[in-house]
């Protein structure tokens, strides 16, 4: 086996381990849209109740629309009508970059919440 082939085998093995790890996708599995009212876009696509919300997602609500994202033990984020935001989270924090509109955050004990307005 030459170097190139060994490199491919190593990359494939690492990718497989990442996909089968109990931690792979842990954030997206626990974050889900629990309420969707009206027209809501998740990462630019129409959203529905039950959709997984990966960390780094964008969420946009139109006029008379709203959405609630449950983050399991971290808490929940409610986006009101005409809100545009980016949501990031990890095991200890919730970060929201708010372009427009407003959000309400309920955080679990010890969870850091940071909300920044986009310029």
C-alpha atoms as a PDB file:
ATOM      1  CA  UNK A   1       0.000   0.000   0.000  1.00  0.00           C
ATOM      2  CA  UNK A   2       1.428   3.382  -0.960  1.00  0.00           C
ATOM      3  CA  UNK A   3       1.259   6.583   1.168  1.00  0.00           C
ATOM      4  CA  UNK A   4      -1.815   7.895  -0.624  1.00  0.00           C
ATOM      5  CA  UNK A   5      -3.751   4.677  -0.047  1.00  0.00           C
ATOM      6  CA  UNK A   6      -2.703   4.570   3.626  1.00  0.00           C
ATOM      7  CA  UNK A   7      -3.848   8.185   3.994  1.00  0.00           C
ATOM      8  CA  UNK A   8      -7.248   7.325   2.527  1.00  0.00           C
ATOM      9  CA  UNK A   9      -7.617   4.330   4.856  1.00  0.00           C
ATOM     10  CA  UNK A  10      -6.714   6.443   7.905  1.00  0.00           C
ATOM     11  CA  UNK A  11      -9.159   9.209   6.905  1.00  0.00           C
ATOM     12  CA  UNK A  12     -11.960   6.710   6.381  1.00  0.00           C
ATOM     13  CA  UNK A  13     -11.245   5.030   9.717  1.00  0.00           C
ATOM     14  CA  UNK A  14     -11.313   8.379  11.548  1.00  0.00           C
ATOM     15  CA  UNK A  15     -14.547   9.368   9.815  1.00  0.00           C
ATOM     16  CA  UNK A  16     -16.127   6.052  10.802  1.00  0.00           C
ATOM     17  CA  UNK A  17     -15.028   6.457  14.425  1.00  0.00           C
ATOM     18  CA  UNK A  18     -16.436   9.991  14.504  1.00  0.00           C
ATOM     19  CA  UNK A  19     -19.812   8.834  13.147  1.00  0.00           C
ATOM     20  CA  UNK A  20     -20.083   5.929  15.560  1.00  0.00           C
ATOM     21  CA  UNK A  21     -18.894   7.822  18.633  1.00  0.00           C
ATOM     22  CA  UNK A  22     -21.526   8.315  21.348  1.00  0.00           C
ATOM     23  CA  UNK A  23     -20.614  12.011  21.302  1.00  0.00           C
ATOM     24  CA  UNK A  24     -21.095  12.421  17.544  1.00  0.00           C
ATOM     25  CA  UNK A  25     -24.059  14.675  16.958  1.00  0.00           C
ATOM     26  CA  UNK A  26     -24.817  14.901  20.665  1.00  0.00           C
ATOM     27  CA  UNK A  27     -25.666  18.589  20.413  1.00  0.00           C
ATOM     28  CA  UNK A  28     -28.008  18.216  17.437  1.00  0.00           C
ATOM     29  CA  UNK A  29     -29.810  15.225  18.970  1.00  0.00           C
ATOM     30  CA  UNK A  30     -30.800  17.137  22.051  1.00  0.00           C
ATOM     31  CA  UNK A  31     -31.818  20.368  20.299  1.00  0.00           C
ATOM     32  CA  UNK A  32     -35.201  20.235  18.647  1.00  0.00           C
ATOM     33  CA  UNK A  33     -37.946  22.591  17.513  1.00  0.00           C
ATOM     34  CA  UNK A  34     -40.799  21.943  19.934  1.00  0.00           C
ATOM     35  CA  UNK A  35     -43.138  24.647  18.635  1.00  0.00           C
ATOM     36  CA  UNK A  36     -43.461  26.199  15.194  1.00  0.00           C
ATOM     37  CA  UNK A  37     -46.193  28.715  14.429  1.00  0.00           C
ATOM     38  CA  UNK A  38     -46.551  30.319  11.004  1.00  0.00           C
ATOM     39  CA  UNK A  39     -43.609  30.512   8.621  1.00  0.00           C
ATOM     40  CA  UNK A  40     -40.282  29.589  10.193  1.00  0.00           C
ATOM     41  CA  UNK A  41     -37.035  28.880   8.343  1.00  0.00           C
ATOM     42  CA  UNK A  42     -34.287  26.707   9.810  1.00  0.00           C
ATOM     43  CA  UNK A  43     -31.020  27.108   7.919  1.00  0.00           C
ATOM     44  CA  UNK A  44     -32.967  28.645   5.032  1.00  0.00           C
ATOM     45  CA  UNK A  45     -35.494  25.808   4.729  1.00  0.00           C
ATOM     46  CA  UNK A  46     -39.078  25.553   5.987  1.00  0.00           C
ATOM     47  CA  UNK A  47     -39.096  24.253   9.559  1.00  0.00           C
ATOM     48  CA  UNK A  48     -41.532  21.983  11.378  1.00  0.00           C
ATOM     49  CA  UNK A  49     -42.070  20.839  14.935  1.00  0.00           C
ATOM     50  CA  UNK A  50     -39.667  17.998  15.688  1.00  0.00           C
ATOM     51  CA  UNK A  51     -36.839  19.203  13.415  1.00  0.00           C
ATOM     52  CA  UNK A  52     -33.338  18.797  14.859  1.00  0.00           C
ATOM     53  CA  UNK A  53     -31.465  22.061  15.404  1.00  0.00           C
ATOM     54  CA  UNK A  54     -27.700  21.638  15.108  1.00  0.00           C
ATOM     55  CA  UNK A  55     -25.429  24.135  16.836  1.00  0.00           C
ATOM     56  CA  UNK A  56     -24.626  26.974  14.426  1.00  0.00           C
ATOM     57  CA  UNK A  57     -28.099  26.960  12.861  1.00  0.00           C
ATOM     58  CA  UNK A  58     -29.934  30.035  11.667  1.00  0.00           C
ATOM     59  CA  UNK A  59     -33.572  30.526  12.572  1.00  0.00           C
ATOM     60  CA  UNK A  60     -35.854  33.065  10.913  1.00  0.00           C
ATOM     61  CA  UNK A  61     -39.476  33.777  11.799  1.00  0.00           C
ATOM     62  CA  UNK A  62     -41.803  35.820   9.620  1.00  0.00           C
ATOM     63  CA  UNK A  63     -44.583  38.195  10.640  1.00  0.00           C
ATOM     64  CA  UNK A  64     -47.065  36.509  13.033  1.00  0.00           C
ATOM     65  CA  UNK A  65     -44.716  33.513  13.348  1.00  0.00           C
ATOM     66  CA  UNK A  66     -42.750  32.110  16.271  1.00  0.00           C
ATOM     67  CA  UNK A  67     -40.596  29.143  17.240  1.00  0.00           C
ATOM     68  CA  UNK A  68     -39.351  27.394  20.363  1.00  0.00           C
ATOM     69  CA  UNK A  69     -36.098  25.431  20.434  1.00  0.00           C
ATOM     70  CA  UNK A  70     -35.657  22.971  23.292  1.00  0.00           C
ATOM     71  CA  UNK A  71     -32.035  22.441  24.257  1.00  0.00           C
ATOM     72  CA  UNK A  72     -32.718  19.661  26.781  1.00  0.00           C
ATOM     73  CA  UNK A  73     -30.861  20.375  30.048  1.00  0.00           C
ATOM     74  CA  UNK A  74     -29.413  23.608  28.655  1.00  0.00           C
ATOM     75  CA  UNK A  75     -32.838  25.243  28.459  1.00  0.00           C
ATOM     76  CA  UNK A  76     -35.002  26.675  25.704  1.00  0.00           C
ATOM     77  CA  UNK A  77     -35.040  29.591  23.281  1.00  0.00           C
ATOM     78  CA  UNK A  78     -38.241  31.282  22.130  1.00  0.00           C
ATOM     79  CA  UNK A  79     -38.084  33.403  18.968  1.00  0.00           C
ATOM     80  CA  UNK A  80     -40.885  35.903  18.416  1.00  0.00           C
ATOM     81  CA  UNK A  81     -42.267  37.191  15.106  1.00  0.00           C
ATOM     82  CA  UNK A  82     -39.846  38.774  12.642  1.00  0.00           C
ATOM     83  CA  UNK A  83     -36.754  37.375  14.349  1.00  0.00           C
ATOM     84  CA  UNK A  84     -33.537  36.408  12.615  1.00  0.00           C
ATOM     85  CA  UNK A  85     -30.811  34.727  14.652  1.00  0.00           C
ATOM     86  CA  UNK A  86     -27.933  32.302  14.699  1.00  0.00           C
ATOM     87  CA  UNK A  87     -27.892  29.805  17.583  1.00  0.00           C
ATOM     88  CA  UNK A  88     -24.779  28.088  18.912  1.00  0.00           C
ATOM     89  CA  UNK A  89     -24.521  25.934  22.007  1.00  0.00           C
ATOM     90  CA  UNK A  90     -22.277  23.457  23.737  1.00  0.00           C
ATOM     91  CA  UNK A  91     -22.448  21.522  27.015  1.00  0.00           C
ATOM     92  CA  UNK A  92     -22.323  24.669  29.175  1.00  0.00           C
ATOM     93  CA  UNK A  93     -23.480  27.651  27.139  1.00  0.00           C
ATOM     94  CA  UNK A  94     -25.983  29.142  24.724  1.00  0.00           C
ATOM     95  CA  UNK A  95     -24.878  31.862  22.300  1.00  0.00           C
ATOM     96  CA  UNK A  96     -27.335  33.820  20.148  1.00  0.00           C
ATOM     97  CA  UNK A  97     -26.366  36.301  17.462  1.00  0.00           C
ATOM     98  CA  UNK A  98     -29.550  38.301  16.964  1.00  0.00           C
ATOM     99  CA  UNK A  99     -29.920  40.128  13.647  1.00  0.00           C
ATOM    100  CA  UNK A 100     -33.506  41.283  14.243  1.00  0.00           C
ATOM    101  CA  UNK A 101     -36.501  40.649  16.456  1.00  0.00           C
ATOM    102  CA  UNK A 102     -36.357  39.318  19.976  1.00  0.00           C
ATOM    103  CA  UNK A 103     -35.823  36.106  21.901  1.00  0.00           C
ATOM    104  CA  UNK A 104     -36.578  34.813  25.364  1.00  0.00           C
ATOM    105  CA  UNK A 105     -34.149  32.336  26.894  1.00  0.00           C
ATOM    106  CA  UNK A 106     -34.767  30.027  29.831  1.00  0.00           C
ATOM    107  CA  UNK A 107     -31.469  28.488  30.897  1.00  0.00           C
ATOM    108  CA  UNK A 108     -30.704  25.511  33.065  1.00  0.00           C
ATOM    109  CA  UNK A 109     -28.680  25.848  36.237  1.00  0.00           C
ATOM    110  CA  UNK A 110     -25.073  26.861  35.560  1.00  0.00           C
ATOM    111  CA  UNK A 111     -25.660  27.504  31.840  1.00  0.00           C
ATOM    112  CA  UNK A 112     -24.058  30.667  30.475  1.00  0.00           C
ATOM    113  CA  UNK A 113     -26.231  32.667  28.071  1.00  0.00           C
ATOM    114  CA  UNK A 114     -24.779  35.257  25.697  1.00  0.00           C
ATOM    115  CA  UNK A 115     -26.986  37.279  23.368  1.00  0.00           C
ATOM    116  CA  UNK A 116     -25.322  39.675  20.955  1.00  0.00           C
ATOM    117  CA  UNK A 117     -26.921  42.033  18.468  1.00  0.00           C
ATOM    118  CA  UNK A 118     -25.516  41.821  14.944  1.00  0.00           C
ATOM    119  CA  UNK A 119     -24.295  45.119  13.512  1.00  0.00           C
END
